[in-house]
Amino acid sequence: MSSATATAAASALASRAAPHRGDHRRAVIATRRNAAAAKSRATTAAAAAETEKLPANLKKIVGAFQMVPDPMQRYKQLLFFAAKLKGFDEKDRVEDNKVQGCVSQVWVVPRMGEDGLVYFTADSDSQLTKGLAALLCEGLSGSAPKEIMAVEPDFVELLGLGQSLTPSRTNGFMNMLRLMQKKTLECYMEAEKAAKDA
């Protein structure tokens, strides 16, 4: 075989192989896209399953936050919640109602309604923390004690506030939830005791 014939044969092989390389690259890209889409669907399904476990009011709030893709808009939504907190009694600003381990000062107070559901009031000296407290108050108020006790602290991830909250704010938010759960249990125990004594 002459060198010219060999070169022509090699060129023909290369031209036939080139589309295959391009096809392979497209296949790899398509596979990666499909894997990313499947992962996104799995994450969305897991988030939906987690959201289903939440009390009805909290589920609505999480859904509203998930519909807002922009972190800055979510932050503004949190400040909107802060404006909703009203009517905190000065006599309730005591150590027993204060959230420990929070950057700002936060107080939460529950009361058991005649319907057997728990209702919260809260206040804070910081607008952002007040927004977080208001979110929990609105999300948990009107829930049964067992629903409140079942809320997992990591539900904060469902809100998509990771970029808006510092680790210390996130920790403070978790501490708010824990105190609200502790106080819910205390309210429930007191109500049970009162019912037995009656």
N, C-alpha and C. Protein backbone atom coordinates (compact mmCIF):
# COMPACT_ATOMS: atom_id res chain seq x y z
N MET A 1 0.87 -1.19 0.00
CA MET A 1 0.00 0.00 0.00
C MET A 1 0.89 1.22 0.00
N SER A 2 0.63 2.15 -0.95
CA SER A 2 1.45 3.35 -1.02
C SER A 2 1.12 4.26 0.14
N SER A 3 2.05 5.19 0.39
CA SER A 3 1.83 6.12 1.51
C SER A 3 0.61 7.00 1.25
N ALA A 4 0.34 7.34 -0.01
CA ALA A 4 -0.83 8.16 -0.35
C ALA A 4 -2.11 7.37 -0.06
N THR A 5 -2.11 6.07 -0.39
CA THR A 5 -3.28 5.23 -0.15
C THR A 5 -3.51 5.06 1.35
N ALA A 6 -2.41 4.86 2.09
CA ALA A 6 -2.49 4.70 3.55
C ALA A 6 -3.04 5.97 4.19
N THR A 7 -2.57 7.12 3.70
CA THR A 7 -3.04 8.41 4.25
C THR A 7 -4.53 8.58 3.97
N ALA A 8 -4.96 8.22 2.75
CA ALA A 8 -6.38 8.34 2.38
C ALA A 8 -7.23 7.41 3.23
N ALA A 9 -6.72 6.19 3.47
CA ALA A 9 -7.48 5.22 4.29
C ALA A 9 -7.59 5.72 5.73
N ALA A 10 -6.49 6.25 6.25
CA ALA A 10 -6.49 6.78 7.63
C ALA A 10 -7.44 7.96 7.74
N SER A 11 -7.44 8.79 6.70
CA SER A 11 -8.33 9.96 6.70
C SER A 11 -9.80 9.53 6.67
N ALA A 12 -10.09 8.50 5.89
CA ALA A 12 -11.47 7.99 5.81
C ALA A 12 -11.89 7.42 7.15
N LEU A 13 -10.97 6.68 7.79
CA LEU A 13 -11.27 6.12 9.11
C LEU A 13 -11.53 7.23 10.13
N ALA A 14 -10.67 8.25 10.08
CA ALA A 14 -10.81 9.37 11.02
C ALA A 14 -12.13 10.09 10.81
N SER A 15 -12.52 10.26 9.53
CA SER A 15 -13.78 10.98 9.28
C SER A 15 -14.97 10.15 9.72
N ARG A 16 -14.84 8.79 9.62
CA ARG A 16 -15.93 7.95 10.11
C ARG A 16 -15.97 7.94 11.63
N ALA A 17 -14.79 8.01 12.27
CA ALA A 17 -14.71 7.96 13.74
C ALA A 17 -15.16 9.26 14.37
N ALA A 18 -14.96 10.37 13.66
CA ALA A 18 -15.27 11.69 14.24
C ALA A 18 -16.72 11.81 14.71
N PRO A 19 -17.70 11.40 13.89
CA PRO A 19 -19.08 11.51 14.37
C PRO A 19 -19.32 10.65 15.61
N HIS A 20 -18.62 9.48 15.66
CA HIS A 20 -18.79 8.62 16.82
C HIS A 20 -18.29 9.30 18.09
N ARG A 21 -17.15 9.99 17.97
CA ARG A 21 -16.65 10.73 19.14
C ARG A 21 -17.64 11.81 19.55
N GLY A 22 -18.19 12.51 18.57
CA GLY A 22 -19.20 13.53 18.86
C GLY A 22 -20.45 12.93 19.47
N ASP A 23 -20.84 11.76 18.92
CA ASP A 23 -22.02 11.07 19.47
C ASP A 23 -21.76 10.65 20.90
N HIS A 24 -20.54 10.16 21.15
CA HIS A 24 -20.19 9.72 22.51
C HIS A 24 -20.26 10.91 23.48
N ARG A 25 -19.71 12.03 23.06
CA ARG A 25 -19.73 13.23 23.91
C ARG A 25 -21.17 13.66 24.21
N ARG A 26 -22.01 13.65 23.15
CA ARG A 26 -23.42 14.02 23.35
C ARG A 26 -24.11 13.03 24.29
N ALA A 27 -23.77 11.75 24.15
CA ALA A 27 -24.37 10.73 25.01
C ALA A 27 -23.95 10.94 26.47
N VAL A 28 -22.68 11.29 26.68
CA VAL A 28 -22.19 11.54 28.04
C VAL A 28 -22.91 12.74 28.64
N ILE A 29 -23.04 13.80 27.86
CA ILE A 29 -23.72 15.02 28.33
C ILE A 29 -25.19 14.71 28.64
N ALA A 30 -25.84 13.95 27.76
CA ALA A 30 -27.25 13.59 27.98
C ALA A 30 -27.39 12.74 29.24
N THR A 31 -26.45 11.81 29.44
CA THR A 31 -26.48 10.95 30.63
C THR A 31 -26.34 11.80 31.89
N ARG A 32 -25.40 12.74 31.86
CA ARG A 32 -25.21 13.62 33.03
C ARG A 32 -26.45 14.47 33.30
N ARG A 33 -27.06 14.98 32.24
CA ARG A 33 -28.28 15.78 32.41
C ARG A 33 -29.40 14.94 33.00
N ASN A 34 -29.54 13.72 32.48
CA ASN A 34 -30.59 12.83 32.99
C ASN A 34 -30.35 12.49 34.45
N ALA A 35 -29.07 12.25 34.81
CA ALA A 35 -28.74 11.94 36.20
C ALA A 35 -29.05 13.14 37.10
N ALA A 36 -28.70 14.35 36.63
CA ALA A 36 -28.98 15.56 37.41
C ALA A 36 -30.49 15.76 37.56
N ALA A 37 -31.24 15.51 36.48
CA ALA A 37 -32.69 15.66 36.54
C ALA A 37 -33.30 14.64 37.50
N ALA A 38 -32.78 13.40 37.44
CA ALA A 38 -33.28 12.35 38.34
C ALA A 38 -32.98 12.70 39.79
N LYS A 39 -31.77 13.23 40.03
CA LYS A 39 -31.39 13.64 41.40
C LYS A 39 -32.30 14.77 41.88
N SER A 40 -32.56 15.74 40.99
CA SER A 40 -33.43 16.85 41.33
C SER A 40 -34.85 16.36 41.65
N ARG A 41 -35.36 15.40 40.85
CA ARG A 41 -36.68 14.83 41.10
C ARG A 41 -36.71 14.09 42.44
N ALA A 42 -35.62 13.37 42.73
CA ALA A 42 -35.53 12.62 44.00
C ALA A 42 -35.50 13.58 45.17
N THR A 43 -34.73 14.67 45.02
CA THR A 43 -34.65 15.68 46.08
C THR A 43 -36.01 16.33 46.30
N THR A 44 -36.68 16.67 45.19
CA THR A 44 -38.01 17.28 45.28
C THR A 44 -39.00 16.33 45.94
N ALA A 45 -38.92 15.04 45.57
CA ALA A 45 -39.82 14.04 46.16
C ALA A 45 -39.55 13.89 47.66
N ALA A 46 -38.26 13.89 48.03
CA ALA A 46 -37.90 13.76 49.45
C ALA A 46 -38.39 14.99 50.22
N ALA A 47 -38.21 16.18 49.62
CA ALA A 47 -38.68 17.41 50.27
C ALA A 47 -40.20 17.39 50.42
N ALA A 48 -40.89 16.90 49.39
CA ALA A 48 -42.36 16.83 49.46
C ALA A 48 -42.79 15.87 50.56
N ALA A 49 -42.06 14.76 50.69
CA ALA A 49 -42.39 13.78 51.74
C ALA A 49 -42.16 14.39 53.12
N GLU A 50 -41.06 15.14 53.27
CA GLU A 50 -40.77 15.79 54.55
C GLU A 50 -41.84 16.85 54.86
N THR A 51 -42.23 17.61 53.84
CA THR A 51 -43.23 18.67 54.03
C THR A 51 -44.56 18.08 54.48
N GLU A 52 -44.91 16.90 53.97
CA GLU A 52 -46.18 16.25 54.32
C GLU A 52 -46.30 15.97 55.81
N LYS A 53 -45.15 15.80 56.49
CA LYS A 53 -45.15 15.48 57.92
C LYS A 53 -45.40 16.71 58.80
N LEU A 54 -45.32 17.89 58.22
CA LEU A 54 -45.43 19.12 59.00
C LEU A 54 -46.88 19.45 59.34
N PRO A 55 -47.09 20.22 60.44
CA PRO A 55 -48.45 20.72 60.73
C PRO A 55 -48.95 21.56 59.55
N ALA A 56 -50.27 21.60 59.37
CA ALA A 56 -50.88 22.24 58.19
C ALA A 56 -50.39 23.67 57.95
N ASN A 57 -50.38 24.50 59.00
CA ASN A 57 -49.95 25.90 58.82
C ASN A 57 -48.49 26.01 58.41
N LEU A 58 -47.65 25.17 59.01
CA LEU A 58 -46.22 25.19 58.70
C LEU A 58 -45.98 24.70 57.28
N LYS A 59 -46.79 23.73 56.86
CA LYS A 59 -46.70 23.19 55.50
C LYS A 59 -46.98 24.30 54.48
N LYS A 60 -47.99 25.13 54.76
CA LYS A 60 -48.33 26.24 53.85
C LYS A 60 -47.17 27.23 53.75
N ILE A 61 -46.57 27.54 54.90
CA ILE A 61 -45.46 28.50 54.92
C ILE A 61 -44.26 27.95 54.14
N VAL A 62 -43.93 26.69 54.36
CA VAL A 62 -42.81 26.07 53.64
C VAL A 62 -43.10 26.12 52.13
N GLY A 63 -44.33 25.80 51.75
CA GLY A 63 -44.71 25.84 50.33
C GLY A 63 -44.55 27.24 49.75
N ALA A 64 -44.94 28.26 50.52
CA ALA A 64 -44.81 29.65 50.05
C ALA A 64 -43.34 30.02 49.86
N PHE A 65 -42.47 29.60 50.78
CA PHE A 65 -41.05 29.89 50.66
C PHE A 65 -40.42 29.15 49.49
N GLN A 66 -40.87 27.92 49.25
CA GLN A 66 -40.31 27.13 48.15
C GLN A 66 -40.68 27.69 46.79
N MET A 67 -41.78 28.46 46.73
CA MET A 67 -42.19 29.06 45.46
C MET A 67 -41.37 30.30 45.11
N VAL A 68 -40.56 30.77 46.06
CA VAL A 68 -39.75 31.97 45.83
C VAL A 68 -38.31 31.52 45.55
N PRO A 69 -37.85 31.59 44.29
CA PRO A 69 -36.52 31.08 43.96
C PRO A 69 -35.37 31.98 44.40
N ASP A 70 -35.62 33.27 44.54
CA ASP A 70 -34.56 34.23 44.84
C ASP A 70 -34.31 34.34 46.34
N PRO A 71 -33.07 34.09 46.81
CA PRO A 71 -32.76 34.17 48.25
C PRO A 71 -33.09 35.54 48.86
N MET A 72 -32.88 36.61 48.10
CA MET A 72 -33.17 37.95 48.62
C MET A 72 -34.68 38.12 48.85
N GLN A 73 -35.47 37.57 47.96
CA GLN A 73 -36.93 37.65 48.12
C GLN A 73 -37.39 36.83 49.33
N ARG A 74 -36.73 35.69 49.55
CA ARG A 74 -37.05 34.88 50.73
C ARG A 74 -36.74 35.66 52.00
N TYR A 75 -35.62 36.36 51.97
CA TYR A 75 -35.21 37.18 53.12
C TYR A 75 -36.26 38.26 53.38
N LYS A 76 -36.75 38.89 52.32
CA LYS A 76 -37.79 39.92 52.46
C LYS A 76 -39.08 39.31 53.00
N GLN A 77 -39.36 38.09 52.56
CA GLN A 77 -40.55 37.38 53.03
C GLN A 77 -40.46 37.16 54.55
N LEU A 78 -39.24 36.88 55.02
CA LEU A 78 -39.01 36.68 56.45
C LEU A 78 -39.27 37.98 57.21
N LEU A 79 -38.83 39.10 56.66
CA LEU A 79 -39.05 40.41 57.30
C LEU A 79 -40.55 40.76 57.29
N PHE A 80 -41.26 40.29 56.27
CA PHE A 80 -42.71 40.49 56.22
C PHE A 80 -43.37 39.77 57.41
N PHE A 81 -42.89 38.57 57.72
CA PHE A 81 -43.39 37.82 58.87
C PHE A 81 -43.13 38.59 60.16
N ALA A 82 -41.97 39.24 60.25
CA ALA A 82 -41.62 39.99 61.45
C ALA A 82 -42.67 41.05 61.77
N ALA A 83 -43.21 41.69 60.73
CA ALA A 83 -44.22 42.74 60.92
C ALA A 83 -45.53 42.18 61.48
N LYS A 84 -45.72 40.86 61.37
CA LYS A 84 -46.96 40.24 61.85
C LYS A 84 -46.97 40.01 63.36
N LEU A 85 -45.79 40.01 63.99
CA LEU A 85 -45.74 39.74 65.43
C LEU A 85 -46.20 40.96 66.20
N LYS A 86 -47.26 40.77 66.98
CA LYS A 86 -47.80 41.89 67.75
C LYS A 86 -48.27 41.40 69.11
N GLY A 87 -48.41 42.32 70.01
CA GLY A 87 -49.08 42.05 71.27
C GLY A 87 -48.36 41.13 72.24
N PHE A 88 -47.04 41.25 72.35
CA PHE A 88 -46.33 40.43 73.33
C PHE A 88 -46.36 41.14 74.68
N ASP A 89 -46.82 40.44 75.70
CA ASP A 89 -46.98 41.02 77.04
C ASP A 89 -45.62 41.20 77.72
N GLU A 90 -45.38 42.38 78.26
CA GLU A 90 -44.10 42.69 78.93
C GLU A 90 -43.81 41.73 80.07
N LYS A 91 -44.84 41.27 80.76
CA LYS A 91 -44.62 40.36 81.90
C LYS A 91 -44.07 39.00 81.45
N ASP A 92 -44.19 38.71 80.15
CA ASP A 92 -43.68 37.44 79.63
C ASP A 92 -42.20 37.49 79.23
N ARG A 93 -41.60 38.69 79.34
CA ARG A 93 -40.16 38.80 79.01
C ARG A 93 -39.33 38.35 80.21
N VAL A 94 -39.42 37.08 80.51
CA VAL A 94 -38.70 36.51 81.66
C VAL A 94 -37.75 35.42 81.15
N GLU A 95 -36.80 35.07 81.99
CA GLU A 95 -35.76 34.10 81.63
C GLU A 95 -36.34 32.76 81.18
N ASP A 96 -37.42 32.34 81.82
CA ASP A 96 -38.01 31.04 81.50
C ASP A 96 -38.56 30.99 80.06
N ASN A 97 -38.92 32.15 79.52
CA ASN A 97 -39.47 32.21 78.16
C ASN A 97 -38.43 32.59 77.12
N LYS A 98 -37.21 32.81 77.56
CA LYS A 98 -36.15 33.30 76.68
C LYS A 98 -35.44 32.13 75.99
N VAL A 99 -35.19 32.30 74.69
CA VAL A 99 -34.48 31.28 73.92
C VAL A 99 -32.99 31.40 74.22
N GLN A 100 -32.40 30.31 74.67
CA GLN A 100 -30.97 30.30 74.98
C GLN A 100 -30.18 29.99 73.70
N GLY A 101 -28.95 30.50 73.65
CA GLY A 101 -28.08 30.21 72.51
C GLY A 101 -28.48 30.93 71.25
N CYS A 102 -29.15 32.06 71.40
CA CYS A 102 -29.60 32.84 70.25
C CYS A 102 -28.81 34.16 70.23
N VAL A 103 -28.40 34.60 69.04
CA VAL A 103 -27.63 35.85 68.92
C VAL A 103 -28.43 37.02 69.48
N SER A 104 -29.71 37.07 69.16
CA SER A 104 -30.60 38.13 69.63
C SER A 104 -31.42 37.63 70.81
N GLN A 105 -32.11 38.55 71.46
CA GLN A 105 -33.02 38.15 72.54
C GLN A 105 -34.36 37.74 71.93
N VAL A 106 -34.81 36.55 72.30
CA VAL A 106 -36.09 36.04 71.78
C VAL A 106 -36.85 35.42 72.94
N TRP A 107 -38.15 35.70 72.99
CA TRP A 107 -39.02 35.10 74.00
C TRP A 107 -40.18 34.42 73.29
N VAL A 108 -40.57 33.25 73.77
CA VAL A 108 -41.74 32.56 73.23
C VAL A 108 -42.64 32.09 74.37
N VAL A 109 -43.94 32.23 74.15
CA VAL A 109 -44.92 31.82 75.16
C VAL A 109 -46.04 31.04 74.48
N PRO A 110 -46.33 29.83 74.97
CA PRO A 110 -47.45 29.08 74.43
C PRO A 110 -48.66 29.18 75.35
N ARG A 111 -49.81 28.89 74.80
CA ARG A 111 -50.99 28.70 75.65
C ARG A 111 -51.82 27.60 75.01
N MET A 112 -52.42 26.81 75.87
CA MET A 112 -53.26 25.71 75.39
C MET A 112 -54.68 26.24 75.27
N GLY A 113 -55.24 26.14 74.08
CA GLY A 113 -56.61 26.59 73.87
C GLY A 113 -57.61 25.58 74.38
N GLU A 114 -58.84 26.01 74.50
CA GLU A 114 -59.91 25.10 74.94
C GLU A 114 -60.13 23.97 73.94
N ASP A 115 -59.67 24.20 72.71
CA ASP A 115 -59.80 23.17 71.67
C ASP A 115 -58.70 22.12 71.75
N GLY A 116 -57.80 22.27 72.76
CA GLY A 116 -56.71 21.31 72.92
C GLY A 116 -55.52 21.57 72.01
N LEU A 117 -55.58 22.68 71.28
CA LEU A 117 -54.48 23.05 70.39
C LEU A 117 -53.61 24.11 71.05
N VAL A 118 -52.38 24.23 70.57
CA VAL A 118 -51.42 25.16 71.17
C VAL A 118 -51.30 26.41 70.30
N TYR A 119 -51.21 27.57 70.98
CA TYR A 119 -51.07 28.87 70.30
C TYR A 119 -49.88 29.60 70.89
N PHE A 120 -49.06 30.20 70.02
CA PHE A 120 -47.83 30.86 70.47
C PHE A 120 -47.85 32.36 70.24
N THR A 121 -47.16 33.07 71.14
CA THR A 121 -46.79 34.46 70.90
C THR A 121 -45.28 34.52 71.10
N ALA A 122 -44.64 35.50 70.47
CA ALA A 122 -43.19 35.62 70.58
C ALA A 122 -42.78 37.06 70.31
N ASP A 123 -41.55 37.36 70.65
CA ASP A 123 -40.99 38.67 70.34
C ASP A 123 -39.47 38.57 70.32
N SER A 124 -38.84 39.53 69.66
CA SER A 124 -37.39 39.59 69.60
C SER A 124 -36.95 41.03 69.43
N ASP A 125 -35.68 41.29 69.76
CA ASP A 125 -35.14 42.64 69.60
C ASP A 125 -34.48 42.83 68.23
N SER A 126 -34.57 41.82 67.36
CA SER A 126 -33.98 41.89 66.02
C SER A 126 -35.05 41.56 64.99
N GLN A 127 -35.10 42.32 63.91
CA GLN A 127 -36.13 42.11 62.89
C GLN A 127 -36.02 40.73 62.24
N LEU A 128 -34.80 40.31 61.93
CA LEU A 128 -34.63 39.00 61.28
C LEU A 128 -35.07 37.88 62.22
N THR A 129 -34.62 37.95 63.46
CA THR A 129 -35.00 36.92 64.44
C THR A 129 -36.49 36.97 64.72
N LYS A 130 -37.04 38.18 64.72
CA LYS A 130 -38.49 38.33 64.91
C LYS A 130 -39.23 37.64 63.76
N GLY A 131 -38.69 37.75 62.55
CA GLY A 131 -39.28 37.07 61.40
C GLY A 131 -39.26 35.56 61.56
N LEU A 132 -38.14 35.04 62.05
CA LEU A 132 -38.03 33.60 62.28
C LEU A 132 -39.01 33.14 63.36
N ALA A 133 -39.10 33.94 64.43
CA ALA A 133 -40.03 33.61 65.52
C ALA A 133 -41.47 33.66 65.02
N ALA A 134 -41.79 34.67 64.21
CA ALA A 134 -43.15 34.81 63.66
C ALA A 134 -43.48 33.64 62.75
N LEU A 135 -42.51 33.21 61.97
CA LEU A 135 -42.71 32.07 61.08
C LEU A 135 -43.08 30.83 61.90
N LEU A 136 -42.34 30.60 62.99
CA LEU A 136 -42.65 29.45 63.85
C LEU A 136 -43.99 29.62 64.56
N CYS A 137 -44.26 30.83 65.06
CA CYS A 137 -45.54 31.07 65.74
C CYS A 137 -46.72 30.80 64.81
N GLU A 138 -46.65 31.35 63.61
CA GLU A 138 -47.75 31.17 62.66
C GLU A 138 -47.82 29.71 62.18
N GLY A 139 -46.66 29.11 62.00
CA GLY A 139 -46.62 27.74 61.49
C GLY A 139 -47.05 26.69 62.49
N LEU A 140 -46.79 26.94 63.78
CA LEU A 140 -47.11 25.94 64.81
C LEU A 140 -48.41 26.21 65.55
N SER A 141 -48.83 27.47 65.61
CA SER A 141 -50.07 27.79 66.33
C SER A 141 -51.26 27.09 65.68
N GLY A 142 -52.15 26.61 66.55
CA GLY A 142 -53.32 25.91 66.06
C GLY A 142 -53.05 24.44 65.76
N SER A 143 -51.89 23.96 66.24
CA SER A 143 -51.54 22.55 66.03
C SER A 143 -51.72 21.77 67.32
N ALA A 144 -51.91 20.48 67.19
CA ALA A 144 -51.99 19.59 68.35
C ALA A 144 -50.57 19.42 68.92
N PRO A 145 -50.45 19.23 70.24
CA PRO A 145 -49.13 19.05 70.83
C PRO A 145 -48.29 17.98 70.13
N LYS A 146 -48.89 16.85 69.77
CA LYS A 146 -48.11 15.78 69.14
C LYS A 146 -47.58 16.19 67.77
N GLU A 147 -48.32 17.07 67.05
CA GLU A 147 -47.84 17.56 65.75
C GLU A 147 -46.61 18.45 65.95
N ILE A 148 -46.67 19.30 66.97
CA ILE A 148 -45.55 20.21 67.25
C ILE A 148 -44.32 19.41 67.67
N MET A 149 -44.53 18.40 68.52
CA MET A 149 -43.42 17.59 69.00
C MET A 149 -42.77 16.78 67.87
N ALA A 150 -43.52 16.50 66.82
CA ALA A 150 -43.01 15.68 65.72
C ALA A 150 -42.19 16.47 64.69
N VAL A 151 -42.19 17.81 64.79
CA VAL A 151 -41.44 18.62 63.81
C VAL A 151 -39.95 18.42 64.03
N GLU A 152 -39.26 18.03 62.97
CA GLU A 152 -37.81 17.82 63.03
C GLU A 152 -37.10 19.16 62.82
N PRO A 153 -36.03 19.41 63.58
CA PRO A 153 -35.31 20.69 63.45
C PRO A 153 -34.79 20.97 62.04
N ASP A 154 -34.46 19.92 61.28
CA ASP A 154 -33.90 20.14 59.95
C ASP A 154 -34.93 20.59 58.92
N PHE A 155 -36.18 20.80 59.34
CA PHE A 155 -37.18 21.29 58.37
C PHE A 155 -36.79 22.67 57.85
N VAL A 156 -35.90 23.37 58.58
CA VAL A 156 -35.44 24.69 58.15
C VAL A 156 -34.83 24.62 56.75
N GLU A 157 -34.26 23.47 56.39
CA GLU A 157 -33.67 23.32 55.05
C GLU A 157 -34.75 23.40 53.97
N LEU A 158 -35.96 22.99 54.30
CA LEU A 158 -37.05 23.03 53.33
C LEU A 158 -37.44 24.46 52.98
N LEU A 159 -37.13 25.39 53.89
CA LEU A 159 -37.47 26.80 53.65
C LEU A 159 -36.54 27.46 52.64
N GLY A 160 -35.37 26.86 52.43
CA GLY A 160 -34.40 27.43 51.49
C GLY A 160 -33.79 28.72 51.97
N LEU A 161 -33.62 28.85 53.30
CA LEU A 161 -33.06 30.09 53.86
C LEU A 161 -31.56 29.98 54.13
N GLY A 162 -30.94 28.90 53.65
CA GLY A 162 -29.52 28.67 53.92
C GLY A 162 -28.63 29.85 53.59
N GLN A 163 -28.89 30.52 52.46
CA GLN A 163 -28.05 31.65 52.04
C GLN A 163 -28.36 32.91 52.83
N SER A 164 -29.53 32.97 53.46
CA SER A 164 -29.92 34.18 54.19
C SER A 164 -29.53 34.14 55.66
N LEU A 165 -29.28 32.93 56.19
CA LEU A 165 -29.00 32.80 57.62
C LEU A 165 -27.56 32.39 57.88
N THR A 166 -26.94 33.04 58.83
CA THR A 166 -25.61 32.63 59.27
C THR A 166 -25.78 31.35 60.10
N PRO A 167 -24.70 30.60 60.30
CA PRO A 167 -24.82 29.39 61.14
C PRO A 167 -25.36 29.70 62.53
N SER A 168 -24.97 30.85 63.11
CA SER A 168 -25.46 31.18 64.46
C SER A 168 -26.96 31.50 64.43
N ARG A 169 -27.44 32.13 63.36
CA ARG A 169 -28.89 32.39 63.24
C ARG A 169 -29.66 31.07 63.06
N THR A 170 -29.10 30.17 62.24
CA THR A 170 -29.73 28.87 62.05
C THR A 170 -29.81 28.12 63.37
N ASN A 171 -28.72 28.18 64.14
CA ASN A 171 -28.68 27.53 65.46
C ASN A 171 -29.73 28.15 66.38
N GLY A 172 -29.85 29.48 66.34
CA GLY A 172 -30.87 30.17 67.14
C GLY A 172 -32.28 29.75 66.76
N PHE A 173 -32.50 29.57 65.45
CA PHE A 173 -33.81 29.13 64.94
C PHE A 173 -34.14 27.74 65.48
N MET A 174 -33.14 26.86 65.45
CA MET A 174 -33.33 25.50 65.99
C MET A 174 -33.65 25.57 67.49
N ASN A 175 -32.95 26.46 68.20
CA ASN A 175 -33.20 26.60 69.65
C ASN A 175 -34.60 27.13 69.93
N MET A 176 -35.09 28.02 69.05
CA MET A 176 -36.48 28.51 69.19
C MET A 176 -37.45 27.35 69.10
N LEU A 177 -37.26 26.52 68.06
CA LEU A 177 -38.14 25.37 67.86
C LEU A 177 -38.07 24.44 69.06
N ARG A 178 -36.87 24.17 69.55
CA ARG A 178 -36.73 23.25 70.70
C ARG A 178 -37.44 23.80 71.94
N LEU A 179 -37.31 25.12 72.18
CA LEU A 179 -37.98 25.71 73.34
C LEU A 179 -39.50 25.65 73.17
N MET A 180 -39.97 25.89 71.96
CA MET A 180 -41.41 25.82 71.71
C MET A 180 -41.92 24.40 71.93
N GLN A 181 -41.14 23.42 71.54
CA GLN A 181 -41.53 22.03 71.76
C GLN A 181 -41.52 21.69 73.26
N LYS A 182 -40.49 22.17 73.96
CA LYS A 182 -40.40 21.93 75.41
C LYS A 182 -41.60 22.55 76.12
N LYS A 183 -41.92 23.78 75.75
CA LYS A 183 -43.02 24.49 76.40
C LYS A 183 -44.38 23.87 76.01
N THR A 184 -44.46 23.34 74.80
CA THR A 184 -45.68 22.63 74.38
C THR A 184 -45.90 21.42 75.27
N LEU A 185 -44.84 20.68 75.52
CA LEU A 185 -44.94 19.50 76.37
C LEU A 185 -45.37 19.89 77.79
N GLU A 186 -44.79 20.99 78.29
CA GLU A 186 -45.16 21.48 79.64
C GLU A 186 -46.64 21.86 79.69
N CYS A 187 -47.10 22.58 78.65
CA CYS A 187 -48.53 22.98 78.56
C CYS A 187 -49.42 21.76 78.56
N TYR A 188 -49.03 20.78 77.77
CA TYR A 188 -49.83 19.55 77.65
C TYR A 188 -49.91 18.83 79.00
N MET A 189 -48.76 18.72 79.68
CA MET A 189 -48.72 18.04 80.98
C MET A 189 -49.58 18.78 82.01
N GLU A 190 -49.51 20.11 81.99
CA GLU A 190 -50.33 20.92 82.92
C GLU A 190 -51.82 20.73 82.63
N ALA A 191 -52.18 20.73 81.36
CA ALA A 191 -53.58 20.55 80.97
C ALA A 191 -54.08 19.16 81.39
N GLU A 192 -53.23 18.15 81.22
CA GLU A 192 -53.60 16.78 81.62
C GLU A 192 -53.79 16.70 83.14
N LYS A 193 -52.88 17.33 83.87
CA LYS A 193 -52.96 17.33 85.34
C LYS A 193 -54.23 18.04 85.80
N ALA A 194 -54.52 19.20 85.20
CA ALA A 194 -55.72 19.98 85.54
C ALA A 194 -56.98 19.16 85.27
N ALA A 195 -56.98 18.40 84.15
CA ALA A 195 -58.15 17.61 83.79
C ALA A 195 -58.36 16.48 84.80
N LYS A 196 -57.26 15.90 85.28
CA LYS A 196 -57.37 14.82 86.29
C LYS A 196 -57.83 15.34 87.63
N ASP A 197 -57.36 16.55 87.97
CA ASP A 197 -57.71 17.13 89.26
C ASP A 197 -59.14 17.65 89.31
N ALA A 198 -59.70 17.92 88.15
CA ALA A 198 -61.05 18.52 88.08
C ALA A 198 -62.12 17.52 88.48
